[in-house]
Amino acid sequence: MQAKTSVRFFKKAVAGLKWRDAGAFFMEHNALVILVILCLVSMIISPLFLTSGNVFNLLRQQSTYLVISIGMLVVMLTGGIDLSVSSIAAVGGIMTAIPLTEWGYDTGFGLFAAIMLGLLSCVLIGACNGFLVSYLNMPAFIVTLATWFSVQGVAFILTNGAPILMDFSLPSSSMLIKFGELSDPVFSIPYPVIVAAVVVIIFYFIMHHTSFGRIVTAIGSNETAAYLAGINVRKYKFWVYVISGLLSGVAGIIILARSGSATPLTATSDYNLSSIAGVVIGGCSLLGGEGTVPYTVVGVFVIAVIGNIMNLMSLAAYPQMIVKGLIIILAVLLRGLTAKTAR
């Protein structure tokens, strides 16, 4: 009798342990679990989901969000935020398009010079954000919100409120458009996706295997302790905004290549919301100090798959905005529950 009781107790203990392990796994890897579930549901809802055309289209669309979200992750790891990424991306595309269409940069070197000009413009905007936040101790939310609006105004002034259409007859413009439209001839991977993958790999190495990444995370975990340890906190907080500006510029040029036009309306798009949502869903703490590059990629694709399946179901854009807002609330809730579980 005692032996049977012991066996029943052991079975209950093992069952409870399995449930606890499953719960702990979900709380730790909830973004990945949600992505897998979403993909399975999407496969059931629409047979078009796993077609090569839809998959490559999804990857091409998310290349810009991925690049911007990596920059957002670097900023948020310090406990900051960058609300100006969409405006910076707009300026990056515009400042690349102007030399190509109006200044006659119609050679291969001219394309390189135009891209460098576009990226430099974005780096300077990021540097302004970084200087105000790190050296003048202004709140990142207010600084980048003001930059969002002011740079958006700059974008409208530069273009007179009208999109700049690329001239397909110019070799430099043609090269850029082909980059946005064509794919790698061997694996059929769109070139913008390759650029996004390279950015992810580079920043995975930087954030996880260099002192810069460890210091940025340490600043977000405890800025005072980092300062007392002799870390130049201001310098690192300055550079994360420069990085965010640079990557927003890269995304802006990808948008220009894909669409064949540079428009100030990019500044009004959802890159701010979607990049923050992707980073938070990927497990980055809003207070800083916690977050990884791989899970930021997962977070971006959680939003992407939801949007993609709603598009396949011909759902209007406005309900999709509601869903994205609810996703952010759910992500923050799960983040809070994860933190409580860890304690």
Protein backbone atom coordinates (compact mmCIF):
# COMPACT_ATOMS: atom_id res chain seq x y z
CA MET A 1 0.00 0.00 0.00
CA GLN A 2 2.82 2.36 0.92
CA ALA A 3 4.61 1.49 -2.31
CA LYS A 4 1.51 2.34 -4.39
CA THR A 5 1.14 5.66 -2.59
CA SER A 6 4.78 6.47 -3.30
CA VAL A 7 4.35 5.65 -6.99
CA ARG A 8 1.26 7.90 -7.26
CA PHE A 9 3.11 10.70 -5.48
CA PHE A 10 6.08 10.31 -7.84
CA LYS A 11 3.82 10.42 -10.93
CA LYS A 12 2.12 13.57 -9.69
CA ALA A 13 5.47 15.17 -8.97
CA VAL A 14 6.78 14.34 -12.45
CA ALA A 15 3.59 15.64 -14.08
CA GLY A 16 3.80 18.84 -12.09
CA LEU A 17 7.47 19.19 -12.99
CA LYS A 18 6.66 18.84 -16.70
CA TRP A 19 3.99 21.51 -16.52
CA ARG A 20 6.33 23.81 -14.61
CA ASP A 21 9.10 23.22 -17.14
CA ALA A 22 6.70 23.91 -20.01
CA GLY A 23 5.49 27.06 -18.32
CA ALA A 24 9.02 28.24 -17.64
CA PHE A 25 10.02 27.53 -21.23
CA PHE A 26 7.06 29.53 -22.54
CA MET A 27 7.77 32.48 -20.25
CA GLU A 28 11.43 32.52 -21.29
CA HIS A 29 10.87 31.93 -25.02
CA ASN A 30 7.31 33.24 -25.43
CA ALA A 31 8.14 35.19 -28.61
CA LEU A 32 9.49 32.10 -30.36
CA VAL A 33 6.55 29.96 -29.23
CA ILE A 34 4.08 32.60 -30.43
CA LEU A 35 5.84 32.83 -33.81
CA VAL A 36 5.68 29.06 -34.32
CA ILE A 37 2.00 28.98 -33.37
CA LEU A 38 1.23 31.90 -35.69
CA CYS A 39 2.98 30.17 -38.60
CA LEU A 40 1.02 26.96 -37.99
CA VAL A 41 -2.27 28.85 -37.78
CA SER A 42 -1.40 30.83 -40.92
CA MET A 43 -0.70 27.62 -42.81
CA ILE A 44 -4.14 26.34 -41.85
CA ILE A 45 -5.97 29.59 -42.64
CA SER A 46 -4.37 30.25 -46.01
CA PRO A 47 -2.63 27.80 -48.37
CA LEU A 48 -0.83 30.79 -49.90
CA PHE A 49 1.16 31.44 -46.73
CA LEU A 50 3.99 28.99 -47.47
CA THR A 51 4.26 29.69 -51.19
CA SER A 52 7.68 30.94 -52.28
CA GLY A 53 6.21 34.15 -53.64
CA ASN A 54 4.56 35.03 -50.34
CA VAL A 55 7.58 34.05 -48.25
CA PHE A 56 10.03 36.11 -50.31
CA ASN A 57 7.61 39.01 -50.42
CA LEU A 58 7.30 38.84 -46.62
CA LEU A 59 11.08 38.78 -46.23
CA ARG A 60 11.52 41.69 -48.64
CA GLN A 61 8.91 43.77 -46.81
CA GLN A 62 10.45 43.08 -43.41
CA SER A 63 14.03 43.89 -44.43
CA THR A 64 13.52 47.58 -43.58
CA TYR A 65 11.77 46.81 -40.29
CA LEU A 66 14.57 44.43 -39.33
CA VAL A 67 17.30 46.99 -39.96
CA ILE A 68 15.49 49.74 -38.05
CA SER A 69 14.60 47.38 -35.18
CA ILE A 70 18.24 46.43 -34.64
CA GLY A 71 19.07 50.12 -34.19
CA MET A 72 16.08 50.48 -31.85
CA LEU A 73 17.31 47.51 -29.81
CA VAL A 74 20.73 49.09 -29.31
CA VAL A 75 19.09 52.29 -28.04
CA MET A 76 16.55 50.53 -25.81
CA LEU A 77 19.26 48.41 -24.19
CA THR A 78 20.54 51.62 -22.59
CA GLY A 79 17.04 52.42 -21.30
CA GLY A 80 16.40 54.97 -24.05
CA ILE A 81 14.06 55.14 -27.01
CA ASP A 82 14.17 56.58 -30.53
CA LEU A 83 10.89 57.88 -31.92
CA SER A 84 12.54 59.58 -34.90
CA VAL A 85 13.49 56.50 -36.94
CA SER A 86 10.77 56.90 -39.58
CA SER A 87 11.68 60.54 -40.22
CA ILE A 88 15.38 59.69 -40.40
CA ALA A 89 14.62 56.90 -42.89
CA ALA A 90 12.67 59.39 -45.01
CA VAL A 91 15.60 61.84 -45.05
CA GLY A 92 18.01 59.02 -45.88
CA GLY A 93 16.03 58.11 -48.99
CA ILE A 94 15.49 61.73 -50.01
CA MET A 95 19.14 62.73 -49.59
CA THR A 96 20.12 59.75 -51.72
CA ALA A 97 17.53 60.47 -54.42
CA ILE A 98 18.31 64.18 -54.83
CA PRO A 99 21.90 63.69 -56.09
CA LEU A 100 20.79 60.89 -58.40
CA THR A 101 17.89 62.75 -60.01
CA GLU A 102 18.72 66.46 -59.70
CA TRP A 103 22.49 66.69 -59.46
CA GLY A 104 23.33 64.26 -62.23
CA TYR A 105 25.12 61.54 -60.24
CA ASP A 106 24.70 59.08 -63.12
CA THR A 107 27.70 56.79 -62.69
CA GLY A 108 28.56 53.90 -60.40
CA PHE A 109 30.71 56.21 -58.27
CA GLY A 110 27.87 58.74 -58.30
CA LEU A 111 25.55 56.13 -56.78
CA PHE A 112 28.11 55.39 -54.08
CA ALA A 113 28.51 59.11 -53.35
CA ALA A 114 24.72 59.58 -53.18
CA ILE A 115 24.35 56.68 -50.75
CA MET A 116 27.15 58.06 -48.58
CA LEU A 117 25.47 61.47 -48.56
CA GLY A 118 22.16 59.91 -47.51
CA LEU A 119 23.79 57.88 -44.73
CA LEU A 120 25.84 60.85 -43.51
CA SER A 121 22.67 62.94 -43.21
CA CYS A 122 21.09 60.25 -41.04
CA VAL A 123 24.21 59.85 -38.91
CA LEU A 124 24.22 63.59 -38.22
CA ILE A 125 20.58 63.48 -37.10
CA GLY A 126 21.36 60.52 -34.86
CA ALA A 127 24.36 62.40 -33.47
CA CYS A 128 22.10 65.36 -32.60
CA ASN A 129 19.78 63.01 -30.73
CA GLY A 130 22.71 61.42 -28.95
CA PHE A 131 24.25 64.74 -27.95
CA LEU A 132 20.99 66.07 -26.50
CA VAL A 133 20.26 62.85 -24.61
CA SER A 134 23.72 61.96 -23.35
CA TYR A 135 25.55 65.26 -22.87
CA LEU A 136 22.64 67.59 -22.08
CA ASN A 137 20.73 64.92 -20.10
CA MET A 138 17.46 65.59 -21.89
CA PRO A 139 14.76 62.85 -21.84
CA ALA A 140 15.14 60.56 -24.85
CA PHE A 141 11.36 60.42 -25.35
CA ILE A 142 11.05 64.20 -25.69
CA VAL A 143 14.21 64.65 -27.77
CA THR A 144 13.39 61.98 -30.34
CA LEU A 145 9.72 62.97 -30.46
CA ALA A 146 10.78 66.54 -31.31
CA THR A 147 13.27 65.19 -33.87
CA TRP A 148 10.53 63.09 -35.44
CA PHE A 149 8.39 66.16 -36.12
CA SER A 150 11.18 68.55 -37.07
CA VAL A 151 12.94 66.13 -39.43
CA GLN A 152 9.58 65.28 -40.96
CA GLY A 153 9.23 68.98 -41.74
CA VAL A 154 12.71 68.96 -43.30
CA ALA A 155 11.69 66.03 -45.50
CA PHE A 156 8.64 67.92 -46.78
CA ILE A 157 10.73 71.04 -47.43
CA LEU A 158 13.38 69.11 -49.38
CA THR A 159 10.77 67.54 -51.65
CA ASN A 160 8.18 70.37 -51.71
CA GLY A 161 5.74 67.79 -50.42
CA ALA A 162 5.96 65.65 -53.57
CA PRO A 163 7.75 62.33 -54.09
CA ILE A 164 11.05 62.30 -55.98
CA LEU A 165 10.73 59.76 -58.78
CA MET A 166 13.88 57.96 -59.85
CA ASP A 167 14.96 58.43 -63.46
CA PHE A 168 15.21 54.93 -64.95
CA SER A 169 17.29 56.24 -67.87
CA LEU A 170 20.22 57.08 -65.56
CA PRO A 171 22.66 54.19 -64.94
CA SER A 172 22.99 54.99 -61.23
CA SER A 173 19.22 55.06 -60.69
CA SER A 174 18.79 51.88 -62.69
CA MET A 175 21.43 50.11 -60.56
CA LEU A 176 19.65 51.12 -57.36
CA ILE A 177 16.22 50.05 -58.61
CA LYS A 178 17.57 46.67 -59.74
CA PHE A 179 19.06 46.19 -56.27
CA GLY A 180 15.63 46.67 -54.73
CA GLU A 181 13.76 44.47 -57.21
CA LEU A 182 16.11 41.61 -58.10
CA SER A 183 17.30 38.59 -56.14
CA ASP A 184 20.48 36.61 -55.72
CA PRO A 185 20.74 34.38 -58.82
CA VAL A 186 21.84 31.30 -56.84
CA PHE A 187 19.42 31.17 -53.89
CA SER A 188 16.78 33.62 -55.20
CA ILE A 189 17.05 35.67 -52.00
CA PRO A 190 16.06 39.34 -52.54
CA TYR A 191 19.02 41.69 -52.20
CA PRO A 192 17.36 43.83 -49.50
CA VAL A 193 16.95 40.66 -47.42
CA ILE A 194 20.66 39.94 -47.81
CA VAL A 195 21.49 43.45 -46.55
CA ALA A 196 19.18 42.96 -43.56
CA ALA A 197 20.75 39.58 -42.81
CA VAL A 198 24.24 41.10 -42.92
CA VAL A 199 23.15 43.84 -40.49
CA VAL A 200 21.68 41.22 -38.13
CA ILE A 201 24.85 39.11 -38.22
CA ILE A 202 27.15 42.10 -37.68
CA PHE A 203 25.17 43.39 -34.72
CA TYR A 204 24.75 39.92 -33.25
CA PHE A 205 28.53 39.75 -33.09
CA ILE A 206 28.84 43.33 -31.76
CA MET A 207 26.17 43.04 -29.08
CA HIS A 208 27.02 39.53 -27.89
CA HIS A 209 30.78 39.20 -28.40
CA THR A 210 32.35 42.64 -27.94
CA SER A 211 32.92 44.97 -25.03
CA PHE A 212 30.67 47.57 -26.67
CA GLY A 213 27.66 45.28 -26.47
CA ARG A 214 28.38 44.29 -22.88
CA ILE A 215 28.86 47.90 -21.81
CA VAL A 216 25.66 49.06 -23.51
CA THR A 217 23.74 46.31 -21.70
CA ALA A 218 25.44 47.19 -18.41
CA ILE A 219 24.43 50.84 -18.76
CA GLY A 220 20.81 49.83 -19.20
CA SER A 221 20.98 47.44 -16.24
CA ASN A 222 22.41 50.02 -13.82
CA GLU A 223 23.69 53.30 -15.23
CA THR A 224 25.00 54.52 -11.87
CA ALA A 225 26.98 51.34 -11.28
CA ALA A 226 28.41 51.56 -14.80
CA TYR A 227 29.48 55.15 -14.16
CA LEU A 228 31.11 54.23 -10.82
CA ALA A 229 32.95 51.39 -12.59
CA GLY A 230 34.69 53.98 -14.76
CA ILE A 231 32.61 53.58 -17.93
CA ASN A 232 32.16 56.71 -20.02
CA VAL A 233 28.38 56.42 -19.99
CA ARG A 234 27.78 59.57 -22.00
CA LYS A 235 29.98 58.37 -24.86
CA TYR A 236 28.18 55.05 -25.21
CA LYS A 237 24.72 56.61 -24.94
CA PHE A 238 25.77 59.06 -27.67
CA TRP A 239 26.91 56.30 -30.02
CA VAL A 240 23.77 54.18 -29.72
CA TYR A 241 21.74 57.03 -31.21
CA VAL A 242 24.30 57.45 -33.98
CA ILE A 243 23.93 53.73 -34.75
CA SER A 244 20.14 54.05 -34.77
CA GLY A 245 20.40 56.98 -37.19
CA LEU A 246 22.77 55.04 -39.46
CA LEU A 247 20.56 51.94 -39.61
CA SER A 248 17.46 54.08 -40.20
CA GLY A 249 19.34 55.60 -43.15
CA VAL A 250 20.14 52.13 -44.50
CA ALA A 251 16.44 51.28 -44.26
CA GLY A 252 15.53 54.52 -46.05
CA ILE A 253 17.80 53.65 -48.96
CA ILE A 254 16.27 50.16 -49.16
CA ILE A 255 12.82 51.77 -49.29
CA LEU A 256 14.03 54.04 -52.09
CA ALA A 257 15.40 51.07 -54.04
CA ARG A 258 12.23 49.02 -53.63
CA SER A 259 9.72 51.76 -54.45
CA GLY A 260 11.70 53.75 -57.01
CA SER A 261 10.79 57.00 -55.29
CA ALA A 262 11.67 59.01 -52.19
CA THR A 263 8.72 60.48 -50.36
CA PRO A 264 8.38 62.48 -47.14
CA LEU A 265 5.38 60.31 -46.30
CA THR A 266 7.86 57.68 -45.12
CA ALA A 267 8.20 59.87 -42.03
CA THR A 268 4.53 59.26 -41.24
CA SER A 269 4.69 55.48 -41.64
CA ASP A 270 4.53 52.92 -38.84
CA TYR A 271 8.27 52.25 -38.53
CA ASN A 272 8.37 53.84 -35.06
CA LEU A 273 5.54 51.72 -33.68
CA SER A 274 6.48 48.49 -35.42
CA SER A 275 10.18 48.65 -34.52
CA ILE A 276 9.43 49.31 -30.85
CA ALA A 277 6.82 46.55 -30.87
CA GLY A 278 9.22 44.09 -32.46
CA VAL A 279 11.95 44.83 -29.94
CA VAL A 280 9.57 44.58 -26.97
CA ILE A 281 7.95 41.37 -28.22
CA GLY A 282 11.48 40.00 -28.63
CA GLY A 283 12.00 40.39 -24.88
CA CYS A 284 13.76 43.72 -24.58
CA SER A 285 12.99 45.48 -21.31
CA LEU A 286 11.57 48.98 -21.59
CA LEU A 287 13.88 49.92 -18.72
CA GLY A 288 16.96 48.70 -20.58
CA GLY A 289 19.61 46.11 -19.82
CA GLU A 290 17.87 43.13 -21.35
CA GLY A 291 17.34 42.09 -24.97
CA THR A 292 19.02 40.10 -27.74
CA VAL A 293 19.43 40.41 -31.50
CA PRO A 294 18.00 36.95 -32.37
CA TYR A 295 14.83 37.52 -30.37
CA THR A 296 14.43 40.98 -31.85
CA VAL A 297 14.32 39.24 -35.25
CA VAL A 298 11.70 36.86 -33.85
CA GLY A 299 9.68 39.78 -32.51
CA VAL A 300 9.74 41.54 -35.88
CA PHE A 301 8.47 38.43 -37.63
CA VAL A 302 5.70 37.90 -35.07
CA ILE A 303 4.24 41.22 -36.20
CA ALA A 304 5.07 40.44 -39.83
CA VAL A 305 3.25 37.10 -39.85
CA ILE A 306 0.17 38.62 -38.20
CA GLY A 307 0.12 41.42 -40.79
CA ASN A 308 0.74 38.98 -43.63
CA ILE A 309 -2.09 36.65 -42.72
CA MET A 310 -4.45 39.63 -42.33
CA ASN A 311 -3.43 40.77 -45.81
CA LEU A 312 -4.06 37.29 -47.20
CA MET A 313 -7.50 37.44 -45.58
CA SER A 314 -8.04 40.87 -47.25
CA LEU A 315 -8.46 42.59 -43.89
CA ALA A 316 -8.40 46.39 -44.08
CA ALA A 317 -5.43 48.40 -42.84
CA TYR A 318 -7.22 50.07 -39.93
CA PRO A 319 -8.08 46.85 -38.06
CA GLN A 320 -4.44 45.85 -38.49
CA MET A 321 -3.42 48.98 -36.60
CA ILE A 322 -5.69 47.93 -33.73
CA VAL A 323 -4.13 44.47 -33.69
CA LYS A 324 -0.61 45.92 -33.57
CA GLY A 325 -1.55 48.08 -30.61
CA LEU A 326 -3.00 45.08 -28.78
CA ILE A 327 0.16 43.11 -29.57
CA ILE A 328 2.30 45.73 -27.84
CA ILE A 329 0.09 45.60 -24.73
CA LEU A 330 0.29 41.79 -24.71
CA ALA A 331 4.06 41.89 -25.15
CA VAL A 332 4.52 44.28 -22.23
CA LEU A 333 2.21 42.10 -20.11
CA LEU A 334 4.19 38.97 -20.92
CA ARG A 335 7.40 40.86 -20.23
CA GLY A 336 6.10 41.77 -16.78
CA LEU A 337 5.02 38.21 -16.06
CA THR A 338 8.42 36.92 -17.17
CA ALA A 339 10.16 39.33 -14.81
CA LYS A 340 7.96 38.21 -11.89
CA THR A 341 8.64 34.56 -12.68
CA ALA A 342 12.39 35.23 -12.72
CA ARG A 343 12.17 36.85 -9.27
